Amino acid sequence: MVLELCRFLNKYITKHGRTSPFKWVTLQPEFEKVINHKFASDKAMKNKYDSMRKEYNLWKSLKNGETGLGWNESTKQLNCSDEWWKRKIQF
């Protein structure tokens, strides 16, 4: 469902441009038809998008904003020392 949501929103952005805000009231029923699933609330799709955006921003800051970290292209994971993780978990 996450990949379908990304594809769906990408099509919207391609059609309407990056500066056009999402019209969640009309997008959610259209997306429900695409995935053949009815969400529990009217704001479920926006909430999912907001959650995904926060996770992406965190991942991006970890990947690009920290010094001394590596990126393993084959596993698509950060290479971090155990000490680094201990410091991050404490915050």
N, C-alpha and C. Protein backbone atom coordinates (compact mmCIF):
# COMPACT_ATOMS: atom_id res chain seq x y z
N MET A 1 0.81 -1.19 0.00
CA MET A 1 0.00 0.00 0.00
C MET A 1 0.87 1.27 0.00
N VAL A 2 2.00 1.21 0.68
CA VAL A 2 2.88 2.37 0.75
C VAL A 2 3.41 2.72 -0.64
N LEU A 3 3.83 1.70 -1.39
CA LEU A 3 4.32 1.96 -2.75
C LEU A 3 3.22 2.51 -3.64
N GLU A 4 2.02 1.99 -3.49
CA GLU A 4 0.89 2.51 -4.28
C GLU A 4 0.59 3.96 -3.92
N LEU A 5 0.68 4.27 -2.63
CA LEU A 5 0.45 5.66 -2.20
C LEU A 5 1.51 6.58 -2.81
N CYS A 6 2.76 6.14 -2.80
CA CYS A 6 3.83 6.95 -3.40
C CYS A 6 3.59 7.16 -4.89
N ARG A 7 3.23 6.10 -5.59
CA ARG A 7 2.94 6.22 -7.03
C ARG A 7 1.77 7.16 -7.27
N PHE A 8 0.72 7.00 -6.49
CA PHE A 8 -0.48 7.81 -6.63
C PHE A 8 -0.19 9.30 -6.43
N LEU A 9 0.55 9.62 -5.36
CA LEU A 9 0.87 11.01 -5.07
C LEU A 9 1.88 11.57 -6.08
N ASN A 10 2.76 10.72 -6.57
CA ASN A 10 3.70 11.17 -7.61
C ASN A 10 2.95 11.56 -8.88
N LYS A 11 1.95 10.79 -9.25
CA LYS A 11 1.13 11.13 -10.42
C LYS A 11 0.42 12.47 -10.21
N TYR A 12 -0.08 12.68 -9.00
CA TYR A 12 -0.75 13.94 -8.68
C TYR A 12 0.21 15.12 -8.82
N ILE A 13 1.42 14.96 -8.28
CA ILE A 13 2.41 16.03 -8.35
C ILE A 13 2.82 16.29 -9.80
N THR A 14 2.98 15.23 -10.57
CA THR A 14 3.34 15.38 -11.98
C THR A 14 2.26 16.16 -12.74
N LYS A 15 1.01 15.87 -12.41
CA LYS A 15 -0.11 16.53 -13.10
C LYS A 15 -0.32 17.97 -12.63
N HIS A 16 -0.21 18.22 -11.33
CA HIS A 16 -0.57 19.52 -10.75
C HIS A 16 0.61 20.39 -10.35
N GLY A 17 1.81 19.83 -10.33
CA GLY A 17 2.99 20.59 -9.95
C GLY A 17 3.29 20.48 -8.45
N ARG A 18 4.53 20.80 -8.09
CA ARG A 18 4.97 20.68 -6.70
C ARG A 18 4.34 21.72 -5.78
N THR A 19 3.96 22.85 -6.32
CA THR A 19 3.44 23.92 -5.47
C THR A 19 1.96 23.76 -5.16
N SER A 20 1.29 22.87 -5.86
CA SER A 20 -0.13 22.65 -5.61
C SER A 20 -0.31 21.77 -4.38
N PRO A 21 -1.06 22.24 -3.37
CA PRO A 21 -1.25 21.43 -2.16
C PRO A 21 -2.14 20.22 -2.46
N PHE A 22 -1.94 19.17 -1.68
CA PHE A 22 -2.78 17.98 -1.83
C PHE A 22 -4.20 18.31 -1.36
N LYS A 23 -5.16 17.88 -2.11
CA LYS A 23 -6.57 18.02 -1.73
C LYS A 23 -7.03 16.66 -1.21
N TRP A 24 -6.77 16.46 0.09
CA TRP A 24 -6.97 15.15 0.70
C TRP A 24 -8.42 14.68 0.61
N VAL A 25 -9.36 15.61 0.68
CA VAL A 25 -10.79 15.25 0.65
C VAL A 25 -11.15 14.55 -0.66
N THR A 26 -10.53 14.97 -1.75
CA THR A 26 -10.81 14.33 -3.04
C THR A 26 -9.83 13.21 -3.36
N LEU A 27 -8.61 13.31 -2.84
CA LEU A 27 -7.61 12.29 -3.13
C LEU A 27 -7.90 10.95 -2.44
N GLN A 28 -8.36 11.00 -1.21
CA GLN A 28 -8.56 9.76 -0.47
C GLN A 28 -9.58 8.84 -1.14
N PRO A 29 -10.76 9.33 -1.55
CA PRO A 29 -11.70 8.42 -2.23
C PRO A 29 -11.13 7.85 -3.54
N GLU A 30 -10.37 8.65 -4.27
CA GLU A 30 -9.74 8.16 -5.51
C GLU A 30 -8.73 7.05 -5.19
N PHE A 31 -7.93 7.27 -4.15
CA PHE A 31 -6.93 6.27 -3.77
C PHE A 31 -7.59 5.00 -3.25
N GLU A 32 -8.68 5.14 -2.52
CA GLU A 32 -9.40 3.97 -2.02
C GLU A 32 -9.87 3.09 -3.17
N LYS A 33 -10.27 3.70 -4.27
CA LYS A 33 -10.66 2.93 -5.46
C LYS A 33 -9.47 2.20 -6.07
N VAL A 34 -8.31 2.87 -6.09
CA VAL A 34 -7.11 2.27 -6.67
C VAL A 34 -6.69 1.03 -5.89
N ILE A 35 -6.70 1.12 -4.56
CA ILE A 35 -6.24 -0.01 -3.74
C ILE A 35 -7.37 -0.94 -3.32
N ASN A 36 -8.60 -0.56 -3.65
CA ASN A 36 -9.77 -1.37 -3.31
C ASN A 36 -9.86 -1.62 -1.79
N HIS A 37 -9.70 -0.52 -1.05
CA HIS A 37 -9.75 -0.60 0.41
C HIS A 37 -10.31 0.72 0.94
N LYS A 38 -11.21 0.63 1.90
CA LYS A 38 -11.81 1.81 2.53
C LYS A 38 -11.08 2.09 3.83
N PHE A 39 -10.60 3.34 3.99
CA PHE A 39 -9.92 3.73 5.22
C PHE A 39 -10.94 3.93 6.34
N ALA A 40 -10.46 3.81 7.58
CA ALA A 40 -11.33 3.92 8.75
C ALA A 40 -11.77 5.36 9.01
N SER A 41 -10.95 6.33 8.64
CA SER A 41 -11.30 7.73 8.90
C SER A 41 -11.06 8.58 7.66
N ASP A 42 -11.61 9.78 7.69
CA ASP A 42 -11.46 10.70 6.57
C ASP A 42 -10.03 11.24 6.44
N LYS A 43 -9.28 11.21 7.52
CA LYS A 43 -7.93 11.77 7.51
C LYS A 43 -6.84 10.70 7.52
N ALA A 44 -7.20 9.46 7.29
CA ALA A 44 -6.24 8.37 7.37
C ALA A 44 -5.12 8.50 6.35
N MET A 45 -5.47 8.89 5.13
CA MET A 45 -4.45 9.01 4.08
C MET A 45 -3.49 10.15 4.39
N LYS A 46 -3.98 11.28 4.85
CA LYS A 46 -3.12 12.40 5.22
C LYS A 46 -2.23 12.02 6.40
N ASN A 47 -2.79 11.32 7.38
CA ASN A 47 -2.00 10.88 8.53
C ASN A 47 -0.88 9.94 8.10
N LYS A 48 -1.18 9.02 7.18
CA LYS A 48 -0.17 8.10 6.68
C LYS A 48 0.93 8.86 5.96
N TYR A 49 0.54 9.82 5.13
CA TYR A 49 1.52 10.64 4.41
C TYR A 49 2.41 11.41 5.39
N ASP A 50 1.82 12.03 6.39
CA ASP A 50 2.58 12.79 7.38
C ASP A 50 3.57 11.89 8.12
N SER A 51 3.13 10.69 8.46
CA SER A 51 4.00 9.74 9.15
C SER A 51 5.16 9.31 8.26
N MET A 52 4.86 9.01 7.00
CA MET A 52 5.91 8.62 6.05
C MET A 52 6.90 9.75 5.84
N ARG A 53 6.41 10.97 5.78
CA ARG A 53 7.28 12.13 5.57
C ARG A 53 8.24 12.32 6.74
N LYS A 54 7.75 12.14 7.98
CA LYS A 54 8.62 12.25 9.15
C LYS A 54 9.70 11.19 9.13
N GLU A 55 9.33 9.94 8.79
CA GLU A 55 10.31 8.86 8.74
C GLU A 55 11.35 9.12 7.65
N TYR A 56 10.91 9.62 6.50
CA TYR A 56 11.84 9.91 5.42
C TYR A 56 12.82 11.02 5.82
N ASN A 57 12.32 12.05 6.44
CA ASN A 57 13.19 13.15 6.87
C ASN A 57 14.21 12.68 7.90
N LEU A 58 13.79 11.79 8.81
CA LEU A 58 14.72 11.23 9.78
C LEU A 58 15.79 10.41 9.07
N TRP A 59 15.37 9.56 8.15
CA TRP A 59 16.32 8.73 7.40
C TRP A 59 17.29 9.60 6.62
N LYS A 60 16.78 10.63 5.96
CA LYS A 60 17.62 11.52 5.16
C LYS A 60 18.64 12.24 6.05
N SER A 61 18.21 12.68 7.23
CA SER A 61 19.16 13.37 8.12
C SER A 61 20.22 12.40 8.64
N LEU A 62 19.83 11.15 8.89
CA LEU A 62 20.82 10.17 9.33
C LEU A 62 21.81 9.86 8.21
N LYS A 63 21.29 9.68 7.01
CA LYS A 63 22.15 9.30 5.89
C LYS A 63 23.07 10.43 5.45
N ASN A 64 22.54 11.65 5.40
CA ASN A 64 23.30 12.76 4.84
C ASN A 64 23.85 13.74 5.87
N GLY A 65 23.25 13.80 7.04
CA GLY A 65 23.61 14.84 7.99
C GLY A 65 24.63 14.46 9.04
N GLU A 66 24.89 13.20 9.19
CA GLU A 66 25.83 12.75 10.22
C GLU A 66 27.19 12.50 9.60
N THR A 67 28.24 12.87 10.32
CA THR A 67 29.59 12.58 9.84
C THR A 67 30.05 11.24 10.37
N GLY A 68 30.89 10.59 9.62
CA GLY A 68 31.47 9.33 10.06
C GLY A 68 30.59 8.12 9.80
N LEU A 69 29.49 8.30 9.12
CA LEU A 69 28.62 7.17 8.82
C LEU A 69 28.85 6.75 7.38
N GLY A 70 28.70 5.47 7.17
CA GLY A 70 28.81 4.96 5.81
C GLY A 70 27.47 4.44 5.32
N TRP A 71 27.40 4.19 4.04
CA TRP A 71 26.17 3.66 3.43
C TRP A 71 26.54 2.39 2.69
N ASN A 72 25.90 1.28 3.05
CA ASN A 72 26.12 0.02 2.39
C ASN A 72 25.12 -0.11 1.26
N GLU A 73 25.58 0.04 0.04
CA GLU A 73 24.70 0.04 -1.12
C GLU A 73 24.03 -1.32 -1.33
N SER A 74 24.71 -2.40 -1.02
CA SER A 74 24.13 -3.72 -1.26
C SER A 74 22.99 -4.03 -0.29
N THR A 75 23.12 -3.60 0.98
CA THR A 75 22.06 -3.87 1.95
C THR A 75 21.11 -2.70 2.13
N LYS A 76 21.47 -1.53 1.54
CA LYS A 76 20.66 -0.30 1.67
C LYS A 76 20.49 0.09 3.14
N GLN A 77 21.58 -0.02 3.90
CA GLN A 77 21.55 0.32 5.32
C GLN A 77 22.74 1.20 5.68
N LEU A 78 22.57 1.95 6.77
CA LEU A 78 23.67 2.76 7.29
C LEU A 78 24.69 1.86 7.97
N ASN A 79 25.95 2.19 7.83
CA ASN A 79 27.02 1.51 8.56
C ASN A 79 27.40 2.40 9.73
N CYS A 80 27.03 1.98 10.92
CA CYS A 80 27.27 2.78 12.13
C CYS A 80 27.89 1.91 13.19
N SER A 81 28.73 2.51 13.99
CA SER A 81 29.35 1.77 15.09
C SER A 81 28.33 1.58 16.21
N ASP A 82 28.59 0.61 17.07
CA ASP A 82 27.71 0.37 18.22
C ASP A 82 27.67 1.57 19.15
N GLU A 83 28.81 2.27 19.29
CA GLU A 83 28.85 3.45 20.15
C GLU A 83 27.94 4.55 19.61
N TRP A 84 27.93 4.71 18.28
CA TRP A 84 27.07 5.72 17.66
C TRP A 84 25.61 5.42 17.97
N TRP A 85 25.19 4.15 17.82
CA TRP A 85 23.81 3.78 18.10
C TRP A 85 23.46 4.00 19.57
N LYS A 86 24.39 3.70 20.47
CA LYS A 86 24.14 3.91 21.90
C LYS A 86 23.88 5.39 22.20
N ARG A 87 24.68 6.27 21.57
CA ARG A 87 24.48 7.71 21.75
C ARG A 87 23.13 8.15 21.21
N LYS A 88 22.76 7.63 20.05
CA LYS A 88 21.47 8.03 19.43
C LYS A 88 20.29 7.53 20.23
N ILE A 89 20.37 6.34 20.74
CA ILE A 89 19.26 5.75 21.50
C ILE A 89 19.04 6.50 22.81
N GLN A 90 20.12 7.05 23.41
CA GLN A 90 20.01 7.78 24.66
C GLN A 90 19.20 9.05 24.51
N PHE A 91 19.18 9.66 23.33
CA PHE A 91 18.43 10.91 23.12
C PHE A 91 17.03 10.58 22.97
